[in-house]
């Protein structure tokens, strides 16, 4: 009995620590959550809910950041307008809130969050080191960020997520996320709605990608960020798993070699165990408010 209580306390504390690290002090409020009368943009039967509630999102999110550094104009916008070097957790908190609100929020909360991000994008513009102008409202750059995020979350879930998705569920996820991309400013006719279209879309950006100085700085930071000592080992494993899921062309460009069989024999089993543990901890602190609201009219 005493051992069980001790485990419960440790699990609860671990869950609170992880939630605060990811979401900060500005998480979703009960009034913003989806309900039985308003499932938000997707709803509990969606692939988006299934994937975005899984702890493989840690790996997918880092993978997205890694691959996004390889586009010079997108990276210039981050380097010039983001204080990621001094406030890395702030960026994580804002990203977490955006994904959480647009996925699990009611329609009004999701639309308000998208409007906030669009207003921020209007202020992000400048000139990249190669002399080209960039703007966060550029539909082409928005498509790059959108496509790499969707591909990263789906890829991470396929390798490290709980359960398996059917081909139809994978396509549905891409289609569901297309609504977010279009609402943010991607051109509807170019925004992928299937896995095949997603792969073609990302392939179309390959010639635009390169490992410039800003990308190298960003990658160095992502590999060795200022994280607390107690989570450094876990972060290193998540980082290795994220690099291991990158497409071969991106791995070659970044030039971080993984010895043969290290990923399948060492990294994958350890990362799967870690994401399972994170899920166990996070579920201890998962609020039942969302489930309650979905089961009752409000």
Protein backbone atom coordinates (compact mmCIF):
# COMPACT_ATOMS: atom_id res chain seq x y z
CA UNK A 1 0.00 0.00 0.00
CA UNK A 2 2.79 2.41 0.96
CA UNK A 3 4.71 1.58 -2.22
CA UNK A 4 1.59 2.14 -4.33
CA UNK A 5 0.99 5.53 -2.73
CA UNK A 6 4.62 6.52 -3.27
CA UNK A 7 4.42 5.57 -6.95
CA UNK A 8 1.20 7.55 -7.29
CA UNK A 9 2.80 10.64 -5.75
CA UNK A 10 5.90 10.38 -7.94
CA UNK A 11 3.75 9.88 -11.02
CA UNK A 12 1.64 12.91 -10.19
CA UNK A 13 4.68 15.10 -9.58
CA UNK A 14 6.33 13.88 -12.76
CA UNK A 15 3.20 14.60 -14.75
CA UNK A 16 2.91 18.13 -13.36
CA UNK A 17 6.58 18.79 -14.12
CA UNK A 18 6.19 17.63 -17.72
CA UNK A 19 2.99 19.59 -18.28
CA UNK A 20 4.51 22.77 -16.90
CA UNK A 21 7.63 22.26 -19.03
CA UNK A 22 5.57 21.79 -22.19
CA UNK A 23 2.69 24.20 -21.65
CA UNK A 24 3.98 26.64 -19.05
CA UNK A 25 1.35 28.43 -16.98
CA UNK A 26 -0.91 29.23 -19.93
CA UNK A 27 -2.70 25.98 -20.69
CA UNK A 28 -6.18 25.54 -22.10
CA UNK A 29 -8.96 26.71 -19.81
CA UNK A 30 -12.11 24.58 -19.33
CA UNK A 31 -14.21 27.20 -21.14
CA UNK A 32 -11.98 26.84 -24.22
CA UNK A 33 -12.29 23.05 -24.52
CA UNK A 34 -14.45 21.18 -26.99
CA UNK A 35 -17.79 19.93 -25.70
CA UNK A 36 -20.67 17.69 -26.70
CA UNK A 37 -22.26 20.63 -28.51
CA UNK A 38 -19.06 21.89 -30.10
CA UNK A 39 -16.35 19.40 -31.04
CA UNK A 40 -14.13 22.15 -32.40
CA UNK A 41 -12.40 21.78 -35.75
CA UNK A 42 -11.98 17.98 -35.58
CA UNK A 43 -13.65 16.11 -32.73
CA UNK A 44 -12.79 13.03 -30.65
CA UNK A 45 -13.13 10.58 -33.58
CA UNK A 46 -10.48 12.40 -35.61
CA UNK A 47 -6.96 11.25 -36.37
CA UNK A 48 -5.77 14.64 -35.12
CA UNK A 49 -7.04 13.95 -31.60
CA UNK A 50 -5.46 10.51 -31.58
CA UNK A 51 -2.04 11.65 -32.78
CA UNK A 52 -1.85 14.91 -30.86
CA UNK A 53 -2.64 13.25 -27.54
CA UNK A 54 0.24 10.82 -27.95
CA UNK A 55 3.65 11.36 -26.37
CA UNK A 56 5.33 10.68 -29.72
CA UNK A 57 4.55 14.36 -30.35
CA UNK A 58 7.76 15.16 -28.43
CA UNK A 59 9.79 13.43 -31.12
CA UNK A 60 7.65 14.75 -33.97
CA UNK A 61 7.87 18.32 -32.76
CA UNK A 62 11.66 18.25 -32.54
CA UNK A 63 11.89 16.54 -35.94
CA UNK A 64 9.82 19.35 -37.46
CA UNK A 65 12.11 22.02 -36.00
CA UNK A 66 15.20 20.18 -37.26
CA UNK A 67 14.02 19.84 -40.84
CA UNK A 68 12.59 23.37 -40.95
CA UNK A 69 16.04 24.83 -40.27
CA UNK A 70 17.10 23.61 -43.72
CA UNK A 71 15.02 26.19 -45.59
CA UNK A 72 17.09 29.43 -45.63
CA UNK A 73 14.13 31.83 -45.71
CA UNK A 74 12.18 30.03 -43.00
CA UNK A 75 15.30 29.86 -40.84
CA UNK A 76 16.04 33.54 -41.42
CA UNK A 77 12.63 34.40 -40.03
CA UNK A 78 13.30 32.33 -36.91
CA UNK A 79 16.81 33.76 -36.47
CA UNK A 80 15.69 37.37 -36.89
CA UNK A 81 12.38 37.34 -35.04
CA UNK A 82 12.59 34.55 -32.46
CA UNK A 83 14.41 34.75 -29.14
CA UNK A 84 14.82 30.99 -29.08
CA UNK A 85 18.41 31.16 -27.76
CA UNK A 86 17.34 33.00 -24.60
CA UNK A 87 13.76 31.77 -24.28
CA UNK A 88 13.56 28.24 -25.76
CA UNK A 89 10.74 27.20 -23.48
CA UNK A 90 8.65 30.21 -24.45
CA UNK A 91 8.57 29.06 -28.04
CA UNK A 92 7.67 25.53 -26.92
CA UNK A 93 4.86 26.86 -24.73
CA UNK A 94 3.39 28.94 -27.58
CA UNK A 95 3.60 26.06 -30.04
CA UNK A 96 2.06 23.66 -27.53
CA UNK A 97 -0.81 26.05 -26.87
CA UNK A 98 -1.46 26.53 -30.59
CA UNK A 99 -1.60 22.79 -31.26
CA UNK A 100 -3.65 22.12 -28.14
CA UNK A 101 -6.17 24.87 -28.85
CA UNK A 102 -6.66 24.15 -32.54
CA UNK A 103 -6.98 20.42 -31.83
CA UNK A 104 -8.90 20.17 -28.56
CA UNK A 105 -10.43 23.62 -28.26
CA UNK A 106 -13.95 24.58 -29.20
CA UNK A 107 -14.49 26.31 -32.53
CA UNK A 108 -14.30 29.83 -31.15
CA UNK A 109 -11.09 29.17 -29.21
CA UNK A 110 -9.45 27.52 -32.23
CA UNK A 111 -10.40 30.35 -34.58
CA UNK A 112 -9.17 32.97 -32.12
CA UNK A 113 -5.82 31.18 -31.77
CA UNK A 114 -5.38 31.02 -35.54
CA UNK A 115 -6.19 34.75 -35.78
CA UNK A 116 -3.54 35.51 -33.14
CA UNK A 117 -0.87 33.57 -35.04
CA UNK A 118 -1.80 35.26 -38.31
CA UNK A 119 -1.37 38.69 -36.68
CA UNK A 120 2.06 37.65 -35.42
CA UNK A 121 3.02 36.44 -38.90
CA UNK A 122 2.21 39.88 -40.32
CA UNK A 123 5.08 41.32 -38.26
CA UNK A 124 7.66 38.77 -39.39
CA UNK A 125 9.51 39.92 -42.48
CA UNK A 126 13.05 40.82 -43.43
CA UNK A 127 16.03 39.96 -45.57
CA UNK A 128 17.89 36.65 -45.43
CA UNK A 129 21.71 36.52 -45.47
CA UNK A 130 21.63 35.67 -49.18
CA UNK A 131 19.82 38.93 -49.93
CA UNK A 132 16.36 37.49 -50.55
CA UNK A 133 13.35 38.99 -48.82
CA UNK A 134 11.13 36.80 -46.68
CA UNK A 135 7.75 37.16 -44.99
CA UNK A 136 5.98 34.78 -42.65
CA UNK A 137 2.76 35.47 -44.56
CA UNK A 138 4.27 34.06 -47.77
CA UNK A 139 2.01 31.09 -48.70
CA UNK A 140 5.03 29.19 -50.02
CA UNK A 141 6.91 29.40 -46.72
CA UNK A 142 3.73 28.66 -44.79
CA UNK A 143 3.33 25.51 -46.89
CA UNK A 144 6.89 24.40 -46.03
CA UNK A 145 6.31 24.81 -42.31
CA UNK A 146 2.88 23.20 -42.48
CA UNK A 147 3.97 20.21 -44.56
CA UNK A 148 7.05 19.46 -42.45
CA UNK A 149 5.03 19.64 -39.23
CA UNK A 150 2.32 17.31 -40.49
CA UNK A 151 4.87 14.89 -41.90
CA UNK A 152 6.88 14.96 -38.66
CA UNK A 153 3.94 14.32 -36.33
CA UNK A 154 2.67 11.51 -38.53
CA UNK A 155 6.11 9.93 -38.97
CA UNK A 156 6.83 10.05 -35.23
CA UNK A 157 3.46 8.51 -34.41
CA UNK A 158 3.97 5.71 -36.93
CA UNK A 159 7.29 4.77 -35.35
CA UNK A 160 6.79 5.64 -31.68
CA UNK A 161 3.07 6.18 -31.13
CA UNK A 162 0.55 4.05 -29.27
CA UNK A 163 -1.31 1.72 -31.59
CA UNK A 164 -1.36 1.62 -35.36
CA UNK A 165 -3.10 3.79 -37.93
CA UNK A 166 -4.77 2.44 -41.03
CA UNK A 167 -3.85 3.98 -44.38
CA UNK A 168 -7.23 5.74 -44.38
CA UNK A 169 -6.58 7.19 -40.92
CA UNK A 170 -3.19 8.49 -42.04
CA UNK A 171 -4.71 10.19 -45.07
CA UNK A 172 -7.46 11.58 -42.89
CA UNK A 173 -4.88 13.15 -40.60
CA UNK A 174 -3.21 14.92 -43.53
CA UNK A 175 -6.61 16.10 -44.73
CA UNK A 176 -7.60 17.33 -41.26
CA UNK A 177 -4.38 19.26 -40.88
CA UNK A 178 -4.89 20.83 -44.31
CA UNK A 179 -7.70 22.88 -42.79
CA UNK A 180 -5.26 24.43 -40.33
CA UNK A 181 -2.75 25.14 -43.10
CA UNK A 182 -5.33 26.84 -45.30
CA UNK A 183 -6.70 28.88 -42.40
CA UNK A 184 -3.16 30.11 -41.69
CA UNK A 185 -2.64 31.20 -45.30
CA UNK A 186 -1.51 28.20 -47.37
CA UNK A 187 -2.95 28.07 -50.87
CA UNK A 188 -5.83 25.55 -50.83
CA UNK A 189 -4.97 23.97 -54.16
CA UNK A 190 -1.36 23.31 -53.06
CA UNK A 191 -2.02 22.11 -49.52
CA UNK A 192 -1.71 18.29 -49.36
CA UNK A 193 -4.70 16.24 -48.26
CA UNK A 194 -3.20 12.74 -48.60
CA UNK A 195 0.12 11.13 -47.66
CA UNK A 196 1.06 10.86 -51.32
CA UNK A 197 0.44 14.58 -51.85
CA UNK A 198 2.37 15.34 -48.66
CA UNK A 199 5.41 13.39 -49.86
CA UNK A 200 5.28 15.13 -53.24
CA UNK A 201 4.97 18.51 -51.55
CA UNK A 202 8.04 18.04 -49.36
CA UNK A 203 10.02 16.59 -52.25
CA UNK A 204 9.27 19.78 -54.18
CA UNK A 205 11.12 21.83 -51.55
CA UNK A 206 14.34 19.78 -51.62
CA UNK A 207 16.12 22.04 -54.11
CA UNK A 208 15.41 25.03 -51.87
CA UNK A 209 17.02 23.47 -48.81
CA UNK A 210 20.61 23.98 -47.72
CA UNK A 211 22.73 23.96 -44.59
CA UNK A 212 23.64 27.62 -44.15
CA UNK A 213 25.21 29.34 -41.17
CA UNK A 214 21.86 30.14 -39.58
CA UNK A 215 20.76 26.53 -40.02
CA UNK A 216 23.97 25.31 -38.37
CA UNK A 217 23.41 27.66 -35.44
CA UNK A 218 19.83 26.48 -35.09
CA UNK A 219 20.81 22.82 -35.24
CA UNK A 220 23.56 23.26 -32.66
CA UNK A 221 21.01 24.79 -30.35
CA UNK A 222 18.48 22.02 -30.96
CA UNK A 223 21.11 19.35 -30.30
CA UNK A 224 22.38 20.95 -27.10
CA UNK A 225 19.79 23.34 -25.64
CA UNK A 226 19.94 24.75 -22.10
CA UNK A 227 17.79 22.06 -20.48
CA UNK A 228 17.84 21.05 -16.83
CA UNK A 229 20.27 18.32 -15.86
CA UNK A 230 17.48 15.95 -14.80
CA UNK A 231 15.96 15.91 -18.31
CA UNK A 232 19.14 16.10 -20.36
CA UNK A 233 19.35 12.35 -20.88
CA UNK A 234 15.72 12.12 -21.97
CA UNK A 235 16.15 15.07 -24.32
CA UNK A 236 19.23 13.47 -25.87
CA UNK A 237 17.25 10.30 -26.56
CA UNK A 238 14.33 12.26 -28.06
CA UNK A 239 16.82 14.17 -30.20
CA UNK A 240 18.45 10.96 -31.45
CA UNK A 241 15.03 9.50 -32.25
CA UNK A 242 14.04 12.66 -34.11
CA UNK A 243 17.20 12.60 -36.23
CA UNK A 244 16.63 8.92 -36.92
CA UNK A 245 13.20 9.62 -38.46
CA UNK A 246 14.45 12.31 -40.86
CA UNK A 247 14.33 11.50 -44.57
CA UNK A 248 17.70 10.27 -45.91
CA UNK A 249 18.33 13.45 -47.91
CA UNK A 250 17.98 15.57 -44.76
CA UNK A 251 20.24 13.26 -42.77
CA UNK A 252 22.90 13.55 -45.47
CA UNK A 253 22.61 17.33 -45.57
CA UNK A 254 22.95 17.66 -41.80
CA UNK A 255 25.75 15.08 -41.84
CA UNK A 256 25.15 13.54 -38.43
CA UNK A 257 26.01 9.88 -39.04
CA UNK A 258 24.34 7.07 -37.15
CA UNK A 259 26.38 3.85 -37.07
CA UNK A 260 24.61 0.90 -38.72
CA UNK A 261 21.91 -0.75 -36.58
CA UNK A 262 22.24 1.84 -33.78
CA UNK A 263 18.83 3.31 -34.56
CA UNK A 264 16.81 0.07 -34.78
CA UNK A 265 18.70 -1.81 -32.05
CA UNK A 266 19.37 0.92 -29.49
CA UNK A 267 17.60 4.21 -30.14
CA UNK A 268 14.17 2.88 -31.12
CA UNK A 269 13.66 0.52 -28.15
CA UNK A 270 14.89 3.15 -25.69
CA UNK A 271 12.80 5.92 -27.26
CA UNK A 272 9.70 3.72 -27.27
CA UNK A 273 10.21 3.00 -23.58
CA UNK A 274 10.71 6.71 -22.90
CA UNK A 275 7.58 7.84 -24.78
CA UNK A 276 5.58 5.13 -23.01
CA UNK A 277 6.83 6.41 -19.66
CA UNK A 278 6.08 10.01 -20.60
CA UNK A 279 2.57 9.00 -21.63
CA UNK A 280 2.09 7.21 -18.31
CA UNK A 281 3.21 10.29 -16.39
CA UNK A 282 1.19 12.72 -18.49
CA UNK A 283 -1.97 10.64 -18.22
CA UNK A 284 -1.74 10.87 -14.44
CA UNK A 285 -2.24 14.59 -14.76
CA UNK A 286 -4.65 14.57 -17.72
CA UNK A 287 -7.73 16.52 -16.79
CA UNK A 288 -11.08 14.75 -17.01
CA UNK A 289 -12.74 18.07 -17.84
CA UNK A 290 -12.52 17.44 -21.59
CA UNK A 291 -14.07 13.98 -21.32
CA UNK A 292 -16.79 15.32 -19.00
CA UNK A 293 -17.65 18.10 -21.44
CA UNK A 294 -17.89 15.66 -24.33
CA UNK A 295 -20.28 13.43 -22.40
CA UNK A 296 -22.64 16.18 -21.37
CA UNK A 297 -24.32 19.00 -23.22
CA UNK A 298 -23.15 22.45 -22.19
